[in-house]
C-alpha atoms as a PDB file:
ATOM      1  CA  MET A   1      -4.500  -9.233 -19.026  1.00  0.00           C
ATOM      2  CA  THR A   2      -5.694  -5.800 -17.976  1.00  0.00           C
ATOM      3  CA  GLU A   3      -9.373  -5.426 -17.201  1.00  0.00           C
ATOM      4  CA  PHE A   4     -11.255  -2.253 -16.366  1.00  0.00           C
ATOM      5  CA  LEU A   5     -13.996  -1.381 -13.905  1.00  0.00           C
ATOM      6  CA  SER A   6     -15.994   1.814 -14.313  1.00  0.00           C
ATOM      7  CA  VAL A   7     -16.843   3.496 -11.028  1.00  0.00           C
ATOM      8  CA  ASP A   8     -18.190   6.925 -10.197  1.00  0.00           C
ATOM      9  CA  GLY A   9     -15.594   9.397 -11.469  1.00  0.00           C
ATOM     10  CA  GLY A  10     -13.379   7.216 -13.638  1.00  0.00           C
ATOM     11  CA  THR A  11     -12.021   3.808 -14.547  1.00  0.00           C
ATOM     12  CA  ILE A  12      -9.966   1.412 -12.423  1.00  0.00           C
ATOM     13  CA  ALA A  13      -7.524  -0.998 -14.087  1.00  0.00           C
ATOM     14  CA  TYR A  14      -6.824  -4.405 -12.574  1.00  0.00           C
ATOM     15  CA  GLU A  15      -5.494  -7.843 -13.447  1.00  0.00           C
ATOM     16  CA  VAL A  16      -6.609 -11.195 -12.037  1.00  0.00           C
ATOM     17  CA  SER A  17      -4.214 -14.131 -11.597  1.00  0.00           C
ATOM     18  CA  GLY A  18      -5.335 -17.586 -10.577  1.00  0.00           C
ATOM     19  CA  THR A  19      -8.755 -19.114 -11.075  1.00  0.00           C
ATOM     20  CA  THR A  20      -9.640 -20.677  -7.734  1.00  0.00           C
ATOM     21  CA  GLY A  21      -9.211 -20.101  -4.031  1.00  0.00           C
ATOM     22  CA  PRO A  22      -9.962 -17.170  -1.731  1.00  0.00           C
ATOM     23  CA  LEU A  23      -9.832 -13.755  -3.384  1.00  0.00           C
ATOM     24  CA  VAL A  24      -6.950 -11.446  -2.468  1.00  0.00           C
ATOM     25  CA  VAL A  25      -6.939  -7.841  -3.703  1.00  0.00           C
ATOM     26  CA  VAL A  26      -3.516  -6.170  -3.622  1.00  0.00           C
ATOM     27  CA  ALA A  27      -3.203  -2.379  -3.782  1.00  0.00           C
ATOM     28  CA  HIS A  28       0.044  -0.424  -4.157  1.00  0.00           C
ATOM     29  CA  GLY A  29       1.254   2.881  -2.728  1.00  0.00           C
ATOM     30  CA  MET A  30       1.322   6.323  -4.335  1.00  0.00           C
ATOM     31  CA  GLY A  31       3.555   6.876  -7.340  1.00  0.00           C
ATOM     32  CA  ASP A  32       3.525   3.173  -8.163  1.00  0.00           C
ATOM     33  CA  SER A  33       1.382   0.636 -10.015  1.00  0.00           C
ATOM     34  CA  ARG A  34       0.215  -2.954  -9.639  1.00  0.00           C
ATOM     35  CA  GLU A  35       3.714  -4.007 -10.781  1.00  0.00           C
ATOM     36  CA  ALA A  36       4.721  -3.396  -7.156  1.00  0.00           C
ATOM     37  CA  TYR A  37       3.354  -6.906  -6.517  1.00  0.00           C
ATOM     38  CA  ARG A  38       5.281  -8.596  -9.342  1.00  0.00           C
ATOM     39  CA  PHE A  39       7.132 -10.816  -6.833  1.00  0.00           C
ATOM     40  CA  PHE A  40       4.137 -11.265  -4.530  1.00  0.00           C
ATOM     41  CA  THR A  41       1.297 -12.254  -6.837  1.00  0.00           C
ATOM     42  CA  PRO A  42       2.819 -15.456  -8.314  1.00  0.00           C
ATOM     43  CA  ALA A  43       3.593 -16.785  -4.828  1.00  0.00           C
ATOM     44  CA  LEU A  44       0.059 -16.077  -3.609  1.00  0.00           C
ATOM     45  CA  VAL A  45      -1.392 -17.862  -6.638  1.00  0.00           C
ATOM     46  CA  GLU A  46       0.898 -20.820  -6.037  1.00  0.00           C
ATOM     47  CA  ALA A  47      -0.318 -20.898  -2.428  1.00  0.00           C
ATOM     48  CA  GLY A  48      -3.900 -21.291  -3.636  1.00  0.00           C
ATOM     49  CA  TYR A  49      -5.280 -17.766  -3.855  1.00  0.00           C
ATOM     50  CA  ARG A  50      -6.986 -15.852  -6.643  1.00  0.00           C
ATOM     51  CA  VAL A  51      -5.254 -12.479  -6.805  1.00  0.00           C
ATOM     52  CA  ALA A  52      -6.537  -9.198  -8.218  1.00  0.00           C
ATOM     53  CA  ALA A  53      -3.783  -6.592  -8.540  1.00  0.00           C
ATOM     54  CA  VAL A  54      -5.261  -3.127  -8.918  1.00  0.00           C
ATOM     55  CA  ASP A  55      -3.925   0.201 -10.184  1.00  0.00           C
ATOM     56  CA  LEU A  56      -5.101   2.903  -7.780  1.00  0.00           C
ATOM     57  CA  ARG A  57      -7.054   5.783  -9.300  1.00  0.00           C
ATOM     58  CA  GLY A  58      -4.649   8.024 -11.200  1.00  0.00           C
ATOM     59  CA  HIS A  59      -1.949   5.323 -11.411  1.00  0.00           C
ATOM     60  CA  GLY A  60      -0.817   2.674 -13.888  1.00  0.00           C
ATOM     61  CA  GLU A  61      -3.560   2.138 -16.442  1.00  0.00           C
ATOM     62  CA  SER A  62      -6.338   3.632 -14.310  1.00  0.00           C
ATOM     63  CA  SER A  63      -7.735   6.969 -15.418  1.00  0.00           C
ATOM     64  CA  THR A  64      -6.668  10.389 -14.136  1.00  0.00           C
ATOM     65  CA  GLY A  65      -8.795  13.475 -13.522  1.00  0.00           C
ATOM     66  CA  TRP A  66     -10.620  12.231 -10.422  1.00  0.00           C
ATOM     67  CA  ALA A  67     -12.205  14.796  -8.110  1.00  0.00           C
ATOM     68  CA  SER A  68     -10.145  13.629  -5.116  1.00  0.00           C
ATOM     69  CA  TYR A  69      -7.701  10.960  -3.984  1.00  0.00           C
ATOM     70  CA  THR A  70      -8.373  10.397  -0.280  1.00  0.00           C
ATOM     71  CA  ARG A  71      -8.028   7.028   1.396  1.00  0.00           C
ATOM     72  CA  THR A  72     -11.810   7.008   1.696  1.00  0.00           C
ATOM     73  CA  ASP A  73     -12.056   7.416  -2.094  1.00  0.00           C
ATOM     74  CA  LEU A  74      -9.585   4.572  -2.617  1.00  0.00           C
ATOM     75  CA  ALA A  75     -11.530   2.383  -0.187  1.00  0.00           C
ATOM     76  CA  GLY A  76     -14.681   2.934  -2.234  1.00  0.00           C
ATOM     77  CA  ASP A  77     -12.852   1.792  -5.361  1.00  0.00           C
ATOM     78  CA  LEU A  78     -11.611  -1.354  -3.615  1.00  0.00           C
ATOM     79  CA  ILE A  79     -15.072  -2.190  -2.278  1.00  0.00           C
ATOM     80  CA  ALA A  80     -16.505  -1.787  -5.775  1.00  0.00           C
ATOM     81  CA  LEU A  81     -13.841  -4.130  -7.174  1.00  0.00           C
ATOM     82  CA  VAL A  82     -14.485  -6.782  -4.511  1.00  0.00           C
ATOM     83  CA  LYS A  83     -18.202  -6.667  -5.276  1.00  0.00           C
ATOM     84  CA  HIS A  84     -17.473  -6.902  -8.997  1.00  0.00           C
ATOM     85  CA  LEU A  85     -15.205  -9.929  -8.576  1.00  0.00           C
ATOM     86  CA  GLY A  86     -17.502 -11.718  -6.150  1.00  0.00           C
ATOM     87  CA  GLY A  87     -16.086 -11.265  -2.675  1.00  0.00           C
ATOM     88  CA  PRO A  88     -15.464 -11.503   0.156  1.00  0.00           C
ATOM     89  CA  ALA A  89     -11.747 -10.796  -0.130  1.00  0.00           C
ATOM     90  CA  ILE A  90      -8.539 -10.408   1.787  1.00  0.00           C
ATOM     91  CA  LEU A  91      -7.225  -6.889   1.207  1.00  0.00           C
ATOM     92  CA  VAL A  92      -3.512  -6.106   1.015  1.00  0.00           C
ATOM     93  CA  GLY A  93      -2.570  -2.434   0.997  1.00  0.00           C
ATOM     94  CA  HIS A  94       0.800  -0.691   0.890  1.00  0.00           C
ATOM     95  CA  SER A  95       1.466   2.787   2.297  1.00  0.00           C
ATOM     96  CA  ILE A  96      -1.515   5.019   1.375  1.00  0.00           C
ATOM     97  CA  ALA A  97      -3.463   1.886   0.411  1.00  0.00           C
ATOM     98  CA  GLY A  98      -2.870   0.532   3.921  1.00  0.00           C
ATOM     99  CA  GLY A  99      -5.139   3.294   5.125  1.00  0.00           C
ATOM    100  CA  ALA A 100      -7.583   2.610   2.307  1.00  0.00           C
ATOM    101  CA  VAL A 101      -7.994  -1.081   3.157  1.00  0.00           C
ATOM    102  CA  THR A 102      -8.592  -0.135   6.798  1.00  0.00           C
ATOM    103  CA  ILE A 103     -11.512   2.048   5.755  1.00  0.00           C
ATOM    104  CA  ALA A 104     -12.835  -0.594   3.362  1.00  0.00           C
ATOM    105  CA  ALA A 105     -12.841  -3.226   6.123  1.00  0.00           C
ATOM    106  CA  ALA A 106     -14.613  -0.900   8.539  1.00  0.00           C
ATOM    107  CA  LYS A 107     -17.257   0.170   6.036  1.00  0.00           C
ATOM    108  CA  ALA A 108     -17.886  -3.201   4.364  1.00  0.00           C
ATOM    109  CA  PRO A 109     -17.147  -5.894   6.986  1.00  0.00           C
ATOM    110  CA  ASP A 110     -19.165  -8.490   5.074  1.00  0.00           C
ATOM    111  CA  LEU A 111     -16.820  -8.098   2.085  1.00  0.00           C
ATOM    112  CA  VAL A 112     -13.453  -8.204   3.889  1.00  0.00           C
ATOM    113  CA  THR A 113     -12.158 -11.281   5.717  1.00  0.00           C
ATOM    114  CA  ALA A 114      -8.657 -10.053   6.644  1.00  0.00           C
ATOM    115  CA  LEU A 115      -6.231  -7.187   6.117  1.00  0.00           C
ATOM    116  CA  VAL A 116      -2.519  -7.082   5.399  1.00  0.00           C
ATOM    117  CA  GLU A 117      -1.072  -3.590   5.715  1.00  0.00           C
ATOM    118  CA  LEU A 118       2.446  -3.087   4.377  1.00  0.00           C
ATOM    119  CA  ALA A 119       4.222  -0.002   5.767  1.00  0.00           C
ATOM    120  CA  PRO A 120       0.807   1.626   6.116  1.00  0.00           C
ATOM    121  CA  PHE A 121      -0.082   5.264   6.587  1.00  0.00           C
ATOM    122  CA  THR A 122      -3.168   4.512   8.636  1.00  0.00           C
ATOM    123  CA  ARG A 123      -2.990   7.104  11.419  1.00  0.00           C
ATOM    124  CA  LYS A 124      -2.740  10.884  11.621  1.00  0.00           C
ATOM    125  CA  GLN A 125       0.974  11.684  11.614  1.00  0.00           C
ATOM    126  CA  GLN A 126       2.762  13.872  14.136  1.00  0.00           C
ATOM    127  CA  ILE A 127       6.237  15.103  13.233  1.00  0.00           C
ATOM    128  CA  ARG A 128       8.424  15.739  16.250  1.00  0.00           C
ATOM    129  CA  LEU A 129      11.532  17.905  16.068  1.00  0.00           C
ATOM    130  CA  GLY A 130      13.597  15.070  17.493  1.00  0.00           C
ATOM    131  CA  ASP A 131      12.598  12.817  14.579  1.00  0.00           C
ATOM    132  CA  LEU A 132      14.806  14.898  12.273  1.00  0.00           C
ATOM    133  CA  ARG A 133      17.863  13.654  14.140  1.00  0.00           C
ATOM    134  CA  VAL A 134      17.294  10.264  12.458  1.00  0.00           C
ATOM    135  CA  ALA A 135      19.300  10.527   9.217  1.00  0.00           C
ATOM    136  CA  GLY A 136      17.201   8.100   7.173  1.00  0.00           C
ATOM    137  CA  TYR A 137      13.960   9.789   8.165  1.00  0.00           C
ATOM    138  CA  ARG A 138      15.399  13.244   7.434  1.00  0.00           C
ATOM    139  CA  ARG A 139      16.608  12.185   3.995  1.00  0.00           C
ATOM    140  CA  GLY A 140      13.359  10.476   3.015  1.00  0.00           C
ATOM    141  CA  ALA A 141      11.208  13.360   4.253  1.00  0.00           C
ATOM    142  CA  THR A 142      13.302  15.896   2.349  1.00  0.00           C
ATOM    143  CA  HIS A 143      12.907  14.131  -0.992  1.00  0.00           C
ATOM    144  CA  LEU A 144       9.249  13.324  -0.368  1.00  0.00           C
ATOM    145  CA  MET A 145       8.588  16.995   0.346  1.00  0.00           C
ATOM    146  CA  GLY A 146      10.537  17.952  -2.767  1.00  0.00           C
ATOM    147  CA  THR A 147       8.383  15.650  -4.863  1.00  0.00           C
ATOM    148  CA  THR A 148       5.145  16.977  -3.406  1.00  0.00           C
ATOM    149  CA  ILE A 149       6.109  20.639  -3.779  1.00  0.00           C
ATOM    150  CA  LEU A 150       8.053  20.568  -7.048  1.00  0.00           C
ATOM    151  CA  GLY A 151       6.376  17.683  -8.876  1.00  0.00           C
ATOM    152  CA  SER A 152       9.841  16.374  -9.695  1.00  0.00           C
ATOM    153  CA  THR A 153      10.456  12.819 -10.924  1.00  0.00           C
ATOM    154  CA  ARG A 154      14.098  13.308  -9.953  1.00  0.00           C
ATOM    155  CA  GLN A 155      13.115  13.994  -6.339  1.00  0.00           C
ATOM    156  CA  TRP A 156      10.838  10.928  -6.394  1.00  0.00           C
ATOM    157  CA  ALA A 157      13.725   8.792  -7.644  1.00  0.00           C
ATOM    158  CA  LYS A 158      15.878  10.083  -4.772  1.00  0.00           C
ATOM    159  CA  TYR A 159      13.083   9.304  -2.320  1.00  0.00           C
ATOM    160  CA  LEU A 160      12.804   5.750  -3.662  1.00  0.00           C
ATOM    161  CA  ASP A 161      16.563   5.296  -3.320  1.00  0.00           C
ATOM    162  CA  ALA A 162      16.195   6.222   0.354  1.00  0.00           C
ATOM    163  CA  ALA A 163      13.090   4.032   0.724  1.00  0.00           C
ATOM    164  CA  TYR A 164      15.097   0.972  -0.358  1.00  0.00           C
ATOM    165  CA  PRO A 165      18.050   1.077   2.065  1.00  0.00           C
ATOM    166  CA  GLY A 166      20.581  -1.648   1.399  1.00  0.00           C
ATOM    167  CA  PRO A 167      19.859  -4.164  -1.385  1.00  0.00           C
ATOM    168  CA  LYS A 168      17.775  -3.159  -4.381  1.00  0.00           C
ATOM    169  CA  PRO A 169      15.606  -5.550  -6.437  1.00  0.00           C
ATOM    170  CA  ALA A 170      17.389  -7.185  -9.382  1.00  0.00           C
ATOM    171  CA  ASP A 171      15.181  -5.274 -11.831  1.00  0.00           C
ATOM    172  CA  TRP A 172      15.718  -1.904 -10.093  1.00  0.00           C
ATOM    173  CA  ASP A 173      16.891   0.092 -13.138  1.00  0.00           C
ATOM    174  CA  THR A 174      14.101  -1.261 -15.343  1.00  0.00           C
ATOM    175  CA  ARG A 175      11.453  -0.606 -12.717  1.00  0.00           C
ATOM    176  CA  MET A 176      12.711   2.913 -12.037  1.00  0.00           C
ATOM    177  CA  GLY A 177      12.452   3.623 -15.754  1.00  0.00           C
ATOM    178  CA  GLN A 178       8.870   2.346 -15.804  1.00  0.00           C
ATOM    179  CA  ILE A 179       7.891   4.492 -12.824  1.00  0.00           C
ATOM    180  CA  THR A 180       9.474   7.614 -14.310  1.00  0.00           C
ATOM    181  CA  THR A 181       7.731   7.015 -17.637  1.00  0.00           C
ATOM    182  CA  MET A 182       4.369   6.609 -15.884  1.00  0.00           C
ATOM    183  CA  LEU A 183       4.812   9.802 -13.873  1.00  0.00           C
ATOM    184  CA  GLU A 184       5.657  11.733 -17.029  1.00  0.00           C
ATOM    185  CA  GLU A 185       2.261  10.860 -18.519  1.00  0.00           C
ATOM    186  CA  PRO A 186      -0.231  13.759 -18.404  1.00  0.00           C
ATOM    187  CA  GLY A 187      -1.795  14.143 -14.970  1.00  0.00           C
ATOM    188  CA  ARG A 188       0.100  11.344 -13.206  1.00  0.00           C
ATOM    189  CA  MET A 189       2.524  13.506 -11.206  1.00  0.00           C
ATOM    190  CA  LYS A 190      -0.339  15.752 -10.096  1.00  0.00           C
ATOM    191  CA  VAL A 191      -1.996  12.670  -8.597  1.00  0.00           C
ATOM    192  CA  LEU A 192       1.153  11.837  -6.624  1.00  0.00           C
ATOM    193  CA  GLN A 193       1.411  15.449  -5.438  1.00  0.00           C
ATOM    194  CA  ALA A 194      -2.231  15.443  -4.350  1.00  0.00           C
ATOM    195  CA  MET A 195      -1.889  12.163  -2.449  1.00  0.00           C
ATOM    196  CA  GLY A 196       1.251  13.393  -0.716  1.00  0.00           C
ATOM    197  CA  LYS A 197      -0.719  16.236   0.853  1.00  0.00           C
ATOM    198  CA  ILE A 198      -3.657  14.161   2.132  1.00  0.00           C
ATOM    199  CA  SER A 199      -3.860  13.316   5.831  1.00  0.00           C
ATOM    200  CA  PRO A 200      -4.408   9.676   6.901  1.00  0.00           C
ATOM    201  CA  ALA A 201      -6.798  10.888   9.610  1.00  0.00           C
ATOM    202  CA  ASP A 202      -9.829   9.355   7.866  1.00  0.00           C
ATOM    203  CA  ALA A 203      -8.192   5.932   8.123  1.00  0.00           C
ATOM    204  CA  GLY A 204      -7.185   6.421  11.747  1.00  0.00           C
ATOM    205  CA  GLU A 205     -10.768   7.235  12.639  1.00  0.00           C
ATOM    206  CA  GLN A 206     -11.852   3.818  11.323  1.00  0.00           C
ATOM    207  CA  LEU A 207      -9.264   1.605  13.055  1.00  0.00           C
ATOM    208  CA  GLY A 208     -11.587   0.966  15.993  1.00  0.00           C
ATOM    209  CA  ASN A 209     -14.356  -0.160  13.626  1.00  0.00           C
ATOM    210  CA  VAL A 210     -12.382  -2.955  11.963  1.00  0.00           C
ATOM    211  CA  THR A 211     -13.743  -6.421  12.802  1.00  0.00           C
ATOM    212  CA  CYS A 212     -11.385  -8.771  10.909  1.00  0.00           C
ATOM    213  CA  PRO A 213      -7.816  -9.951  11.668  1.00  0.00           C
ATOM    214  CA  VAL A 214      -5.070  -7.511  10.637  1.00  0.00           C
ATOM    215  CA  LEU A 215      -1.368  -8.055   9.934  1.00  0.00           C
ATOM    216  CA  ILE A 216       0.839  -4.957   9.999  1.00  0.00           C
ATOM    217  CA  VAL A 217       4.212  -5.364   8.258  1.00  0.00           C
ATOM    218  CA  GLN A 218       6.956  -2.806   8.811  1.00  0.00           C
ATOM    219  CA  GLY A 219      10.557  -2.649   7.644  1.00  0.00           C
ATOM    220  CA  THR A 220      13.028  -1.947  10.433  1.00  0.00           C
ATOM    221  CA  LEU A 221      14.764   0.696   8.270  1.00  0.00           C
ATOM    222  CA  ASP A 222      11.685   2.373   6.797  1.00  0.00           C
ATOM    223  CA  PRO A 223      12.663   6.065   6.419  1.00  0.00           C
ATOM    224  CA  ASP A 224       9.056   7.255   6.516  1.00  0.00           C
ATOM    225  CA  TRP A 225       9.111   7.053  10.308  1.00  0.00           C
ATOM    226  CA  ALA A 226      11.749   7.811  12.894  1.00  0.00           C
ATOM    227  CA  SER A 227      10.627   4.520  14.498  1.00  0.00           C
ATOM    228  CA  PRO A 228       8.749   2.163  12.143  1.00  0.00           C
ATOM    229  CA  GLN A 229       8.196  -0.296  14.984  1.00  0.00           C
ATOM    230  CA  ALA A 230       6.581   2.351  17.183  1.00  0.00           C
ATOM    231  CA  GLU A 231       4.233   3.275  14.322  1.00  0.00           C
ATOM    232  CA  GLY A 232       3.278  -0.368  13.777  1.00  0.00           C
ATOM    233  CA  GLU A 233       2.676  -0.900  17.485  1.00  0.00           C
ATOM    234  CA  ALA A 234       0.485   2.204  17.622  1.00  0.00           C
ATOM    235  CA  ILE A 235      -1.703   0.888  14.807  1.00  0.00           C
ATOM    236  CA  VAL A 236      -2.137  -2.445  16.583  1.00  0.00           C
ATOM    237  CA  THR A 237      -3.060  -0.585  19.767  1.00  0.00           C
ATOM    238  CA  ASP A 238      -5.709   1.471  17.972  1.00  0.00           C
ATOM    239  CA  LEU A 239      -7.344  -1.666  16.542  1.00  0.00           C
ATOM    240  CA  PRO A 240      -9.846  -3.604  18.659  1.00  0.00           C
ATOM    241  CA  THR A 241      -8.031  -5.799  21.169  1.00  0.00           C
ATOM    242  CA  GLY A 242      -6.716  -9.059  19.728  1.00  0.00           C
ATOM    243  CA  LEU A 243      -7.262  -8.274  16.039  1.00  0.00           C
ATOM    244  CA  GLY A 244      -3.883  -6.860  15.101  1.00  0.00           C
ATOM    245  CA  GLN A 245      -0.391  -8.258  14.997  1.00  0.00           C
ATOM    246  CA  LEU A 246       2.904  -6.698  13.912  1.00  0.00           C
ATOM    247  CA  GLU A 247       5.680  -8.287  11.866  1.00  0.00           C
ATOM    248  CA  MET A 248       9.020  -6.495  11.460  1.00  0.00           C
ATOM    249  CA  ILE A 249      11.151  -7.266   8.392  1.00  0.00           C
ATOM    250  CA  GLU A 250      14.792  -6.818   9.305  1.00  0.00           C
ATOM    251  CA  GLY A 251      16.720  -4.457   7.023  1.00  0.00           C
ATOM    252  CA  ALA A 252      13.697  -3.518   4.895  1.00  0.00           C
ATOM    253  CA  GLY A 253      12.677   0.013   4.022  1.00  0.00           C
ATOM    254  CA  HIS A 254       9.287   1.282   2.924  1.00  0.00           C
ATOM    255  CA  TYR A 255       8.772  -1.509   0.362  1.00  0.00           C
ATOM    256  CA  PRO A 256       9.322  -4.777   2.279  1.00  0.00           C
ATOM    257  CA  HIS A 257       7.240  -6.776  -0.225  1.00  0.00           C
ATOM    258  CA  VAL A 258       9.572  -5.714  -3.060  1.00  0.00           C
ATOM    259  CA  GLN A 259      12.907  -5.491  -1.266  1.00  0.00           C
ATOM    260  CA  PHE A 260      12.541  -8.690   0.774  1.00  0.00           C
ATOM    261  CA  PRO A 261       9.648 -10.540  -0.881  1.00  0.00           C
ATOM    262  CA  GLN A 262      10.414 -13.983   0.542  1.00  0.00           C
ATOM    263  CA  GLN A 263      10.586 -12.851   4.165  1.00  0.00           C
ATOM    264  CA  THR A 264       7.447 -10.754   3.739  1.00  0.00           C
ATOM    265  CA  LEU A 265       5.595 -13.574   1.980  1.00  0.00           C
ATOM    266  CA  THR A 266       6.492 -16.011   4.753  1.00  0.00           C
ATOM    267  CA  ALA A 267       4.900 -13.689   7.303  1.00  0.00           C
ATOM    268  CA  VAL A 268       1.844 -13.003   5.153  1.00  0.00           C
ATOM    269  CA  LEU A 269       1.186 -16.633   4.190  1.00  0.00           C
ATOM    270  CA  SER A 270       1.524 -17.737   7.822  1.00  0.00           C
ATOM    271  CA  PHE A 271      -1.004 -15.083   8.839  1.00  0.00           C
ATOM    272  CA  LEU A 272      -3.408 -16.025   6.039  1.00  0.00           C
ATOM    273  CA  ALA A 273      -3.140 -19.725   6.909  1.00  0.00           C
ATOM    274  CA  GLY A 274      -4.314 -18.855  10.387  1.00  0.00           C
ATOM    275  CA  VAL A 275      -7.189 -16.808   8.984  1.00  0.00           C
ATOM    276  CA  ARG A 276      -8.274 -19.674   6.732  1.00  0.00           C
ATOM    277  CA  ALA A 277      -8.055 -22.154   9.592  1.00  0.00           C
END
């Protein structure tokens, strides 16, 4: 059941599953909704966690018309939700939300016990000319740029096709229809366009201030980087020594938790078991 939290500037939609156990807050990437965790949430609940799946500002059932959509803004929303639900919490963030959970952990260490960052944009990006020689990266970047510039749902669909190399989820056509319908709602595409232009530098500046354990999960075929593994390793390096670890999901693109949920869950649950111990 959808619940709503009013914060400064708008309303955040979320849904809680499970009644007992440590709190886990899961946050999706841009152009998506909390349905991104439709395979993840039930398994976390079964493993003994209480899970709050949130719609980022401007997405899903959350309101539009916010003043800005930076990772720092998103982090503030997540901190407010954790306080509302009675933290502390484990934060799971995908893509842009990976940067947001980094900031939340750095700014509210008493409210965050661990981070899981799925294909996160958590550092300032540098595009090198040689990166464009990588076909998957070139294709993904082209469609992502087309979406940001043109505000085109068709370009976003082409980007998502590239972001899921190889096997697609069984409900792919249904989910694509849901995403397109959401983005056609007034103001939703403008949110995606705005987020696509925002630098992750604010998150990168906070990596050294994180004090909790962090799991970085990258797909080996993620088209958002010429080398997803190099990006993951760089994030671990920028964290305080000993806090970060990297897990690569073979064959996965930018959505490992949707494309290969079982492999990703195995890595996440093993990490969380260590945190709990």
